[in-house]
N, C-alpha and C. Protein backbone atom coordinates (compact mmCIF):
# COMPACT_ATOMS: atom_id res chain seq x y z
N MET A 1 65.89 -77.35 23.73
CA MET A 1 66.90 -78.26 23.25
C MET A 1 67.76 -77.63 22.15
N GLN A 2 67.14 -76.80 21.34
CA GLN A 2 67.91 -76.16 20.27
C GLN A 2 68.99 -75.25 20.85
N LEU A 3 68.68 -74.58 21.95
CA LEU A 3 69.68 -73.73 22.60
C LEU A 3 70.85 -74.58 23.10
N ALA A 4 70.54 -75.70 23.74
CA ALA A 4 71.60 -76.60 24.21
C ALA A 4 72.43 -77.10 23.04
N LEU A 5 71.78 -77.44 21.94
CA LEU A 5 72.50 -77.93 20.76
C LEU A 5 73.45 -76.85 20.24
N ARG A 6 72.96 -75.62 20.14
CA ARG A 6 73.81 -74.53 19.64
C ARG A 6 75.00 -74.28 20.58
N GLN A 7 74.74 -74.30 21.87
CA GLN A 7 75.82 -74.05 22.83
C GLN A 7 76.87 -75.16 22.77
N LEU A 8 76.43 -76.40 22.72
CA LEU A 8 77.38 -77.51 22.64
C LEU A 8 78.13 -77.49 21.31
N ALA A 9 77.43 -77.15 20.24
CA ALA A 9 78.07 -77.11 18.92
C ALA A 9 79.13 -76.02 18.86
N GLY A 10 79.01 -75.01 19.70
CA GLY A 10 80.03 -73.98 19.75
C GLY A 10 81.32 -74.47 20.39
N GLN A 11 81.25 -75.60 21.07
CA GLN A 11 82.41 -76.14 21.78
C GLN A 11 82.92 -77.45 21.20
N HIS A 12 82.09 -78.11 20.39
CA HIS A 12 82.45 -79.43 19.87
C HIS A 12 82.10 -79.54 18.39
N ARG A 13 82.90 -80.29 17.67
CA ARG A 13 82.70 -80.43 16.22
C ARG A 13 81.43 -81.21 15.89
N GLN A 14 81.09 -82.19 16.71
CA GLN A 14 79.91 -83.03 16.48
C GLN A 14 79.13 -83.16 17.78
N VAL A 15 77.82 -82.98 17.70
CA VAL A 15 76.95 -83.08 18.87
C VAL A 15 75.69 -83.83 18.45
N VAL A 16 75.25 -84.76 19.29
CA VAL A 16 73.98 -85.45 19.08
C VAL A 16 73.24 -85.43 20.42
N ILE A 17 71.99 -85.01 20.39
CA ILE A 17 71.13 -85.06 21.57
C ILE A 17 69.95 -85.96 21.24
N THR A 18 69.83 -87.04 22.00
CA THR A 18 68.71 -87.96 21.78
C THR A 18 67.49 -87.45 22.53
N LEU A 19 66.33 -87.66 21.93
CA LEU A 19 65.07 -87.12 22.47
C LEU A 19 64.00 -88.20 22.63
N GLY A 20 64.42 -89.43 22.81
CA GLY A 20 63.45 -90.52 23.00
C GLY A 20 62.55 -90.68 21.79
N SER A 21 61.25 -90.69 22.04
CA SER A 21 60.28 -90.89 20.96
C SER A 21 60.25 -89.74 19.96
N GLU A 22 60.92 -88.64 20.29
CA GLU A 22 61.00 -87.49 19.39
C GLU A 22 62.21 -87.57 18.45
N GLY A 23 62.99 -88.64 18.55
CA GLY A 23 64.14 -88.81 17.66
C GLY A 23 65.40 -88.19 18.23
N LEU A 24 66.10 -87.44 17.41
CA LEU A 24 67.34 -86.81 17.86
C LEU A 24 67.57 -85.54 17.07
N ILE A 25 68.40 -84.67 17.65
CA ILE A 25 68.88 -83.49 16.94
C ILE A 25 70.40 -83.57 16.92
N TRP A 26 71.00 -82.96 15.93
CA TRP A 26 72.45 -83.06 15.77
C TRP A 26 73.02 -81.77 15.20
N ALA A 27 74.30 -81.61 15.44
CA ALA A 27 75.07 -80.53 14.82
C ALA A 27 76.43 -81.12 14.47
N ARG A 28 76.92 -80.73 13.30
CA ARG A 28 78.21 -81.24 12.85
C ARG A 28 78.81 -80.26 11.85
N ASP A 29 80.00 -79.79 12.15
CA ASP A 29 80.74 -78.93 11.23
C ASP A 29 79.90 -77.76 10.70
N GLY A 30 79.17 -77.10 11.59
CA GLY A 30 78.39 -75.93 11.20
C GLY A 30 77.01 -76.22 10.65
N ARG A 31 76.67 -77.48 10.47
CA ARG A 31 75.33 -77.86 9.99
C ARG A 31 74.58 -78.48 11.15
N SER A 32 73.26 -78.48 11.08
CA SER A 32 72.46 -79.13 12.12
C SER A 32 71.20 -79.71 11.50
N GLY A 33 70.57 -80.61 12.24
CA GLY A 33 69.36 -81.23 11.73
C GLY A 33 68.66 -82.06 12.77
N ARG A 34 67.68 -82.77 12.31
CA ARG A 34 66.83 -83.59 13.16
C ARG A 34 66.59 -84.92 12.45
N MET A 35 66.45 -85.97 13.22
CA MET A 35 66.08 -87.27 12.68
C MET A 35 64.95 -87.83 13.52
N PRO A 36 63.85 -88.24 12.90
CA PRO A 36 62.75 -88.81 13.68
C PRO A 36 63.14 -90.15 14.29
N ALA A 37 62.41 -90.54 15.32
CA ALA A 37 62.65 -91.83 15.97
C ALA A 37 62.15 -92.97 15.09
N PHE A 38 62.76 -94.11 15.26
CA PHE A 38 62.25 -95.32 14.63
C PHE A 38 60.94 -95.70 15.32
N ALA A 39 60.00 -96.24 14.58
CA ALA A 39 58.76 -96.73 15.16
C ALA A 39 59.08 -98.00 15.95
N ALA A 40 58.78 -97.96 17.24
CA ALA A 40 59.04 -99.12 18.09
C ALA A 40 58.06 -99.08 19.26
N GLN A 41 57.64 -100.23 19.70
CA GLN A 41 56.78 -100.33 20.88
C GLN A 41 57.67 -100.24 22.12
N ALA A 42 57.62 -99.12 22.81
CA ALA A 42 58.51 -98.91 23.96
C ALA A 42 57.93 -99.59 25.21
N LEU A 43 58.72 -100.48 25.78
CA LEU A 43 58.35 -101.15 27.04
C LEU A 43 59.21 -100.65 28.20
N ASP A 44 60.48 -100.38 27.93
CA ASP A 44 61.43 -100.01 28.98
C ASP A 44 62.60 -99.29 28.32
N SER A 45 62.84 -98.06 28.73
CA SER A 45 63.94 -97.31 28.10
C SER A 45 65.28 -97.52 28.80
N THR A 46 65.30 -98.37 29.83
CA THR A 46 66.56 -98.65 30.52
C THR A 46 67.58 -99.22 29.54
N GLY A 47 68.71 -98.60 29.47
CA GLY A 47 69.78 -99.07 28.59
C GLY A 47 69.76 -98.50 27.19
N ALA A 48 68.73 -97.72 26.85
CA ALA A 48 68.64 -97.19 25.48
C ALA A 48 69.81 -96.26 25.17
N GLY A 49 70.17 -95.41 26.11
CA GLY A 49 71.31 -94.51 25.90
C GLY A 49 72.61 -95.27 25.77
N ASP A 50 72.79 -96.29 26.60
CA ASP A 50 73.99 -97.12 26.51
C ASP A 50 74.06 -97.81 25.16
N SER A 51 72.92 -98.31 24.71
CA SER A 51 72.87 -98.98 23.42
C SER A 51 73.20 -98.01 22.29
N PHE A 52 72.61 -96.81 22.35
CA PHE A 52 72.89 -95.79 21.34
C PHE A 52 74.38 -95.48 21.31
N HIS A 53 74.97 -95.24 22.47
CA HIS A 53 76.39 -94.86 22.53
C HIS A 53 77.30 -96.00 22.08
N GLY A 54 76.98 -97.21 22.46
CA GLY A 54 77.78 -98.35 22.00
C GLY A 54 77.72 -98.51 20.50
N ALA A 55 76.51 -98.38 19.94
CA ALA A 55 76.36 -98.48 18.49
C ALA A 55 77.06 -97.33 17.79
N PHE A 56 77.01 -96.14 18.38
CA PHE A 56 77.69 -94.97 17.80
C PHE A 56 79.20 -95.21 17.77
N ALA A 57 79.74 -95.74 18.87
CA ALA A 57 81.18 -96.03 18.91
C ALA A 57 81.55 -97.06 17.85
N LEU A 58 80.73 -98.08 17.69
CA LEU A 58 80.98 -99.09 16.65
C LEU A 58 80.91 -98.46 15.27
N ALA A 59 79.94 -97.58 15.06
CA ALA A 59 79.80 -96.90 13.77
C ALA A 59 81.03 -96.04 13.46
N VAL A 60 81.56 -95.38 14.48
CA VAL A 60 82.78 -94.60 14.29
C VAL A 60 83.93 -95.53 13.89
N ALA A 61 84.06 -96.64 14.61
CA ALA A 61 85.13 -97.59 14.31
C ALA A 61 84.99 -98.17 12.90
N ARG A 62 83.76 -98.34 12.45
CA ARG A 62 83.52 -98.86 11.09
C ARG A 62 83.59 -97.78 10.03
N ARG A 63 83.80 -96.54 10.45
CA ARG A 63 83.90 -95.39 9.54
C ARG A 63 82.65 -95.20 8.69
N MET A 64 81.49 -95.38 9.32
CA MET A 64 80.23 -95.14 8.62
C MET A 64 80.10 -93.65 8.33
N ASP A 65 79.33 -93.31 7.31
CA ASP A 65 79.09 -91.90 7.06
C ASP A 65 78.11 -91.39 8.12
N TRP A 66 77.97 -90.07 8.22
CA TRP A 66 77.22 -89.44 9.30
C TRP A 66 75.77 -89.94 9.37
N GLU A 67 75.06 -89.94 8.26
CA GLU A 67 73.66 -90.36 8.27
C GLU A 67 73.54 -91.83 8.69
N GLU A 68 74.38 -92.66 8.14
CA GLU A 68 74.36 -94.08 8.47
C GLU A 68 74.68 -94.28 9.96
N MET A 69 75.61 -93.51 10.47
CA MET A 69 76.00 -93.59 11.88
C MET A 69 74.82 -93.26 12.79
N LEU A 70 74.12 -92.18 12.48
CA LEU A 70 72.97 -91.77 13.29
C LEU A 70 71.84 -92.80 13.22
N ARG A 71 71.54 -93.27 12.03
CA ARG A 71 70.47 -94.26 11.87
C ARG A 71 70.81 -95.56 12.58
N PHE A 72 72.03 -96.04 12.44
CA PHE A 72 72.48 -97.27 13.09
C PHE A 72 72.35 -97.16 14.61
N SER A 73 72.82 -96.05 15.15
CA SER A 73 72.77 -95.84 16.60
C SER A 73 71.34 -95.70 17.10
N ALA A 74 70.53 -94.95 16.37
CA ALA A 74 69.13 -94.76 16.77
C ALA A 74 68.35 -96.07 16.70
N ALA A 75 68.64 -96.89 15.70
CA ALA A 75 67.97 -98.19 15.60
C ALA A 75 68.32 -99.07 16.79
N ALA A 76 69.57 -99.09 17.19
CA ALA A 76 69.98 -99.88 18.35
C ALA A 76 69.26 -99.38 19.60
N GLY A 77 69.19 -98.08 19.79
CA GLY A 77 68.49 -97.53 20.95
C GLY A 77 67.01 -97.86 20.94
N ALA A 78 66.38 -97.76 19.78
CA ALA A 78 64.95 -98.06 19.68
C ALA A 78 64.67 -99.53 20.01
N LEU A 79 65.49 -100.41 19.49
CA LEU A 79 65.30 -101.83 19.78
C LEU A 79 65.46 -102.14 21.26
N THR A 80 66.37 -101.46 21.91
CA THR A 80 66.58 -101.66 23.35
C THR A 80 65.31 -101.32 24.13
N CYS A 81 64.59 -100.32 23.68
CA CYS A 81 63.35 -99.91 24.36
C CYS A 81 62.22 -100.92 24.19
N SER A 82 62.35 -101.80 23.24
CA SER A 82 61.25 -102.73 22.94
C SER A 82 61.25 -103.97 23.82
N ARG A 83 62.24 -104.10 24.71
CA ARG A 83 62.30 -105.24 25.63
C ARG A 83 62.60 -104.75 27.03
N LEU A 84 62.33 -105.59 28.01
CA LEU A 84 62.56 -105.23 29.41
C LEU A 84 64.01 -105.46 29.82
N GLY A 85 64.49 -104.58 30.70
CA GLY A 85 65.82 -104.74 31.26
C GLY A 85 66.87 -103.98 30.48
N ALA A 86 68.06 -103.92 31.03
CA ALA A 86 69.14 -103.19 30.38
C ALA A 86 69.97 -104.11 29.51
N ARG A 87 70.72 -104.98 30.11
CA ARG A 87 71.63 -105.84 29.35
C ARG A 87 70.86 -106.81 28.45
N ALA A 88 69.80 -107.40 28.96
CA ALA A 88 69.03 -108.39 28.19
C ALA A 88 68.37 -107.77 26.96
N SER A 89 68.17 -106.46 26.97
CA SER A 89 67.47 -105.82 25.85
C SER A 89 68.41 -105.32 24.76
N LEU A 90 69.71 -105.40 24.97
CA LEU A 90 70.65 -104.92 23.95
C LEU A 90 70.51 -105.75 22.68
N PRO A 91 70.31 -105.11 21.54
CA PRO A 91 70.12 -105.85 20.29
C PRO A 91 71.44 -106.34 19.71
N ASP A 92 71.35 -107.38 18.91
CA ASP A 92 72.54 -107.82 18.18
C ASP A 92 72.53 -107.16 16.79
N ALA A 93 73.60 -107.35 16.06
CA ALA A 93 73.74 -106.70 14.75
C ALA A 93 72.64 -107.10 13.78
N ALA A 94 72.21 -108.35 13.84
CA ALA A 94 71.16 -108.83 12.93
C ALA A 94 69.84 -108.11 13.19
N ALA A 95 69.51 -107.88 14.45
CA ALA A 95 68.26 -107.19 14.79
C ALA A 95 68.31 -105.73 14.31
N VAL A 96 69.46 -105.09 14.49
CA VAL A 96 69.61 -103.70 14.02
C VAL A 96 69.48 -103.66 12.50
N ALA A 97 70.11 -104.59 11.81
CA ALA A 97 70.03 -104.64 10.34
C ALA A 97 68.58 -104.85 9.88
N ARG A 98 67.83 -105.70 10.58
CA ARG A 98 66.43 -105.93 10.20
C ARG A 98 65.60 -104.66 10.37
N LEU A 99 65.81 -103.93 11.47
CA LEU A 99 65.06 -102.70 11.67
C LEU A 99 65.43 -101.66 10.61
N LEU A 100 66.70 -101.54 10.32
CA LEU A 100 67.12 -100.58 9.30
C LEU A 100 66.52 -100.92 7.94
N GLN A 101 66.41 -102.19 7.64
CA GLN A 101 65.81 -102.61 6.37
C GLN A 101 64.29 -102.40 6.38
N ALA A 102 63.66 -102.65 7.52
CA ALA A 102 62.21 -102.53 7.63
C ALA A 102 61.75 -101.08 7.60
N GLN A 103 62.59 -100.16 8.08
CA GLN A 103 62.21 -98.75 8.14
C GLN A 103 63.28 -97.90 7.43
N PRO A 104 63.41 -98.06 6.13
CA PRO A 104 64.51 -97.38 5.41
C PRO A 104 64.26 -95.90 5.13
N LEU A 105 63.07 -95.39 5.37
CA LEU A 105 62.76 -94.04 4.94
C LEU A 105 63.12 -92.95 5.94
N ILE A 106 63.55 -93.33 7.14
CA ILE A 106 63.94 -92.32 8.10
C ILE A 106 65.20 -91.64 7.58
N ARG A 107 65.12 -90.35 7.38
CA ARG A 107 66.25 -89.60 6.81
C ARG A 107 66.71 -88.55 7.79
N VAL A 108 67.99 -88.29 7.79
CA VAL A 108 68.55 -87.20 8.56
C VAL A 108 68.24 -85.91 7.82
N GLN A 109 67.75 -84.92 8.51
CA GLN A 109 67.40 -83.65 7.86
C GLN A 109 68.39 -82.58 8.23
């Protein structure tokens, strides 16, 4: 995965690769790092990527800083895995906020 991250980072200013229960890796403006996954009971990962990408797009629109953007998106993806189905499992903003508050120590490295 690190090789893929380096190759993509050579072509794009920002890259994020999600790794499921292993969290995510990222590269941005010559820097790179890793963020662990949120603790969540995974029942069904259907829709987790869609949830992550939708939350990421919202975070961009809200002009969140990089760390906040990654955490917000990862929290949405983790919550999606905790319920069955794709559309029915998409979290609302309140659920994402609760998870972010409950697990504040996850840091981007």
